[in-house]
N, C-alpha and C. Protein backbone atom coordinates (compact mmCIF):
# COMPACT_ATOMS: atom_id res chain seq x y z
N MET A 1 -9.80 164.96 96.74
CA MET A 1 -8.99 163.81 96.50
C MET A 1 -7.57 164.11 96.96
N ARG A 2 -6.96 163.13 97.56
CA ARG A 2 -5.62 163.33 98.09
C ARG A 2 -4.60 163.32 96.93
N SER A 3 -3.46 163.91 97.17
CA SER A 3 -2.36 164.01 96.22
C SER A 3 -1.91 162.62 95.86
N THR A 4 -1.83 161.65 96.73
CA THR A 4 -1.38 160.31 96.39
C THR A 4 -2.40 159.71 95.43
N GLU A 5 -3.65 159.92 95.61
CA GLU A 5 -4.66 159.35 94.73
C GLU A 5 -4.54 160.01 93.33
N LYS A 6 -4.36 161.34 93.33
CA LYS A 6 -4.23 162.01 92.00
C LYS A 6 -2.93 161.53 91.29
N LEU A 7 -1.89 161.35 92.03
CA LEU A 7 -0.60 160.85 91.43
C LEU A 7 -0.81 159.48 90.85
N ARG A 8 -1.45 158.58 91.67
CA ARG A 8 -1.62 157.20 91.23
C ARG A 8 -2.49 157.21 89.95
N ASN A 9 -3.60 157.98 89.91
CA ASN A 9 -4.40 158.07 88.74
C ASN A 9 -3.68 158.51 87.49
N LEU A 10 -2.88 159.60 87.68
CA LEU A 10 -2.05 160.15 86.59
C LEU A 10 -1.06 159.09 86.09
N LEU A 11 -0.41 158.38 86.94
CA LEU A 11 0.55 157.39 86.51
C LEU A 11 -0.13 156.19 85.87
N GLU A 12 -1.14 155.73 86.40
CA GLU A 12 -1.80 154.50 85.89
C GLU A 12 -2.65 154.79 84.60
N ASN A 13 -3.22 155.95 84.53
CA ASN A 13 -4.10 156.28 83.43
C ASN A 13 -3.51 157.05 82.29
N GLU A 14 -2.36 157.71 82.56
CA GLU A 14 -1.75 158.51 81.49
C GLU A 14 -0.27 158.23 81.25
N VAL A 15 0.48 158.38 82.29
CA VAL A 15 1.98 158.32 82.14
C VAL A 15 2.43 156.93 81.71
N ILE A 16 2.03 155.93 82.49
CA ILE A 16 2.48 154.59 82.15
C ILE A 16 2.02 154.13 80.73
N PRO A 17 0.69 154.35 80.45
CA PRO A 17 0.21 153.93 79.08
C PRO A 17 0.99 154.73 77.99
N ASP A 18 1.25 155.97 78.26
CA ASP A 18 2.04 156.79 77.23
C ASP A 18 3.40 156.21 77.03
N LEU A 19 3.98 155.85 78.12
CA LEU A 19 5.38 155.19 78.05
C LEU A 19 5.31 153.96 77.30
N GLU A 20 4.33 153.13 77.56
CA GLU A 20 4.19 151.86 76.83
C GLU A 20 4.03 152.03 75.37
N VAL A 21 3.24 153.01 74.95
CA VAL A 21 3.07 153.33 73.52
C VAL A 21 4.46 153.78 72.90
N ALA A 22 5.09 154.70 73.62
CA ALA A 22 6.41 155.15 73.14
C ALA A 22 7.44 154.03 72.99
N ILE A 23 7.47 153.15 74.00
CA ILE A 23 8.42 152.02 73.91
C ILE A 23 7.98 151.10 72.76
N ASP A 24 6.73 150.81 72.53
CA ASP A 24 6.29 149.92 71.47
C ASP A 24 6.66 150.59 70.11
N GLU A 25 6.47 151.94 69.96
CA GLU A 25 6.82 152.59 68.75
C GLU A 25 8.27 152.54 68.46
N LEU A 26 9.09 152.74 69.51
CA LEU A 26 10.56 152.67 69.35
C LEU A 26 10.99 151.26 68.90
N PHE A 27 10.37 150.22 69.49
CA PHE A 27 10.65 148.84 69.13
C PHE A 27 10.30 148.66 67.67
N ALA A 28 9.16 149.17 67.25
CA ALA A 28 8.76 148.96 65.83
C ALA A 28 9.74 149.67 64.91
N LYS A 29 10.16 150.86 65.33
CA LYS A 29 11.16 151.62 64.48
C LYS A 29 12.41 150.77 64.37
N ILE A 30 12.90 150.31 65.44
CA ILE A 30 14.11 149.48 65.42
C ILE A 30 13.98 148.25 64.59
N ASP A 31 12.84 147.59 64.76
CA ASP A 31 12.54 146.37 64.02
C ASP A 31 12.45 146.61 62.52
N LYS A 32 11.91 147.75 62.14
CA LYS A 32 11.74 148.09 60.76
C LYS A 32 13.06 148.40 60.11
N THR A 33 13.96 149.09 60.79
CA THR A 33 15.29 149.33 60.21
C THR A 33 16.32 148.25 60.46
N LYS A 34 15.94 147.32 61.40
CA LYS A 34 16.82 146.17 61.70
C LYS A 34 18.14 146.69 62.33
N ASN A 35 18.06 147.90 62.89
CA ASN A 35 19.30 148.42 63.51
C ASN A 35 18.90 149.52 64.47
N ALA A 36 19.54 149.50 65.64
CA ALA A 36 19.23 150.53 66.65
C ALA A 36 20.40 151.48 66.75
N SER A 37 20.14 152.73 66.59
CA SER A 37 21.22 153.75 66.84
C SER A 37 21.52 153.84 68.29
N LYS A 38 22.61 154.48 68.63
CA LYS A 38 22.96 154.73 70.04
C LYS A 38 21.84 155.57 70.64
N GLU A 39 21.36 156.57 69.91
CA GLU A 39 20.30 157.42 70.46
C GLU A 39 19.03 156.61 70.74
N ASP A 40 18.63 155.69 69.81
CA ASP A 40 17.45 154.84 70.05
C ASP A 40 17.63 154.01 71.27
N LYS A 41 18.82 153.40 71.44
CA LYS A 41 19.14 152.55 72.59
C LYS A 41 19.01 153.37 73.88
N ASP A 42 19.64 154.57 73.83
CA ASP A 42 19.54 155.41 75.05
C ASP A 42 18.13 155.81 75.35
N ASP A 43 17.33 156.17 74.39
CA ASP A 43 15.93 156.55 74.56
C ASP A 43 15.16 155.40 75.14
N LEU A 44 15.35 154.20 74.59
CA LEU A 44 14.73 153.06 75.06
C LEU A 44 15.00 152.70 76.49
N GLU A 45 16.28 152.84 76.86
CA GLU A 45 16.66 152.62 78.22
C GLU A 45 16.10 153.62 79.19
N GLU A 46 16.04 154.91 78.76
CA GLU A 46 15.51 155.91 79.58
C GLU A 46 13.99 155.72 79.80
N MET A 47 13.28 155.36 78.74
CA MET A 47 11.81 155.10 78.88
C MET A 47 11.56 153.92 79.78
N ARG A 48 12.39 152.89 79.62
CA ARG A 48 12.17 151.67 80.45
C ARG A 48 12.40 152.04 81.88
N ASP A 49 13.49 152.84 82.15
CA ASP A 49 13.76 153.28 83.57
C ASP A 49 12.57 154.06 84.08
N MET A 50 12.07 154.98 83.28
CA MET A 50 10.96 155.84 83.74
C MET A 50 9.78 154.93 84.06
N ARG A 51 9.50 154.01 83.20
CA ARG A 51 8.33 153.07 83.44
C ARG A 51 8.52 152.28 84.74
N THR A 52 9.74 151.84 84.94
CA THR A 52 10.02 151.04 86.19
C THR A 52 9.82 151.95 87.41
N GLU A 53 10.22 153.17 87.35
CA GLU A 53 10.11 154.08 88.44
C GLU A 53 8.63 154.45 88.68
N CYS A 54 7.90 154.65 87.60
CA CYS A 54 6.45 154.84 87.77
C CYS A 54 5.69 153.67 88.45
N TYR A 55 6.04 152.49 88.10
CA TYR A 55 5.48 151.29 88.74
C TYR A 55 5.85 151.26 90.21
N ALA A 56 7.09 151.61 90.49
CA ALA A 56 7.57 151.62 91.88
C ALA A 56 6.76 152.69 92.73
N ILE A 57 6.53 153.88 92.13
CA ILE A 57 5.80 154.85 92.83
C ILE A 57 4.38 154.40 93.12
N VAL A 58 3.74 153.77 92.14
CA VAL A 58 2.43 153.20 92.30
C VAL A 58 2.40 152.22 93.45
N GLU A 59 3.35 151.35 93.49
CA GLU A 59 3.45 150.31 94.56
C GLU A 59 3.62 151.02 95.90
N GLU A 60 4.41 152.06 95.95
CA GLU A 60 4.59 152.80 97.26
C GLU A 60 3.31 153.37 97.69
N ILE A 61 2.54 153.93 96.75
CA ILE A 61 1.21 154.43 97.12
C ILE A 61 0.25 153.38 97.63
N LYS A 62 0.29 152.26 96.96
CA LYS A 62 -0.64 151.10 97.36
C LYS A 62 -0.33 150.67 98.76
N ARG A 63 0.99 150.72 99.10
CA ARG A 63 1.44 150.27 100.46
C ARG A 63 1.41 151.42 101.43
N ASP A 64 0.87 152.55 100.98
CA ASP A 64 0.78 153.74 101.88
C ASP A 64 2.16 154.16 102.40
N GLU A 65 3.16 154.11 101.62
CA GLU A 65 4.51 154.48 101.99
C GLU A 65 4.95 155.79 101.41
N LEU A 66 4.10 156.50 100.69
CA LEU A 66 4.41 157.75 100.10
C LEU A 66 3.58 158.77 100.75
N ASP A 67 4.27 159.82 101.37
CA ASP A 67 3.52 160.81 102.10
C ASP A 67 2.94 161.85 101.10
N GLU A 68 1.98 162.62 101.62
CA GLU A 68 1.24 163.59 100.76
C GLU A 68 2.21 164.62 100.22
N GLU A 69 3.07 165.09 100.98
CA GLU A 69 4.06 166.17 100.56
C GLU A 69 4.87 165.64 99.36
N GLU A 70 5.38 164.43 99.47
CA GLU A 70 6.23 163.88 98.43
C GLU A 70 5.37 163.65 97.16
N ALA A 71 4.17 163.19 97.35
CA ALA A 71 3.21 162.88 96.26
C ALA A 71 2.89 164.20 95.56
N GLU A 72 2.68 165.28 96.40
CA GLU A 72 2.32 166.54 95.71
C GLU A 72 3.49 167.08 94.91
N ALA A 73 4.75 166.94 95.38
CA ALA A 73 5.88 167.31 94.60
C ALA A 73 5.96 166.54 93.28
N LEU A 74 5.88 165.23 93.37
CA LEU A 74 5.93 164.39 92.16
C LEU A 74 4.84 164.71 91.18
N LEU A 75 3.66 164.94 91.73
CA LEU A 75 2.50 165.28 90.89
C LEU A 75 2.78 166.55 90.14
N GLY A 76 3.27 167.57 90.83
CA GLY A 76 3.69 168.82 90.22
C GLY A 76 4.65 168.66 89.08
N GLU A 77 5.66 167.87 89.35
CA GLU A 77 6.76 167.62 88.26
C GLU A 77 6.15 166.97 87.05
N LEU A 78 5.28 165.95 87.26
CA LEU A 78 4.71 165.27 86.21
C LEU A 78 3.82 166.13 85.36
N LEU A 79 2.96 166.93 86.05
CA LEU A 79 2.07 167.84 85.36
C LEU A 79 2.89 168.84 84.59
N GLU A 80 3.98 169.33 85.12
CA GLU A 80 4.81 170.34 84.43
C GLU A 80 5.41 169.69 83.15
N MET A 81 5.84 168.39 83.31
CA MET A 81 6.38 167.74 82.08
C MET A 81 5.37 167.53 81.04
N LYS A 82 4.16 167.17 81.39
CA LYS A 82 3.06 166.99 80.45
C LYS A 82 2.70 168.32 79.74
N THR A 83 2.75 169.39 80.54
CA THR A 83 2.43 170.68 79.89
C THR A 83 3.49 171.08 78.90
N GLN A 84 4.79 170.79 79.18
CA GLN A 84 5.88 171.14 78.34
C GLN A 84 5.82 170.27 77.05
N GLU A 85 5.36 169.05 77.05
CA GLU A 85 5.23 168.17 75.94
C GLU A 85 4.22 168.74 74.93
N GLN A 86 3.18 169.38 75.44
CA GLN A 86 2.10 169.85 74.58
C GLN A 86 2.48 171.16 73.95
């Protein structure tokens, strides 16, 4: 399997859904307290930016605009981040 395919699968099946859950949980927290701290706002903005970037990468892969070397580097970064989270 090519690096671009692995990257696309990781983004679509794990990273983006995880971001969606985290965004939803943060919205629920903000809704429950009826107030958003600066930290919550910053976290929300960061997660939204990450989600947007992930969708952009998926689109680049679909249009065959992402080369294997770049995909391999991104894949390595994402896998490292996932390992650190656990």
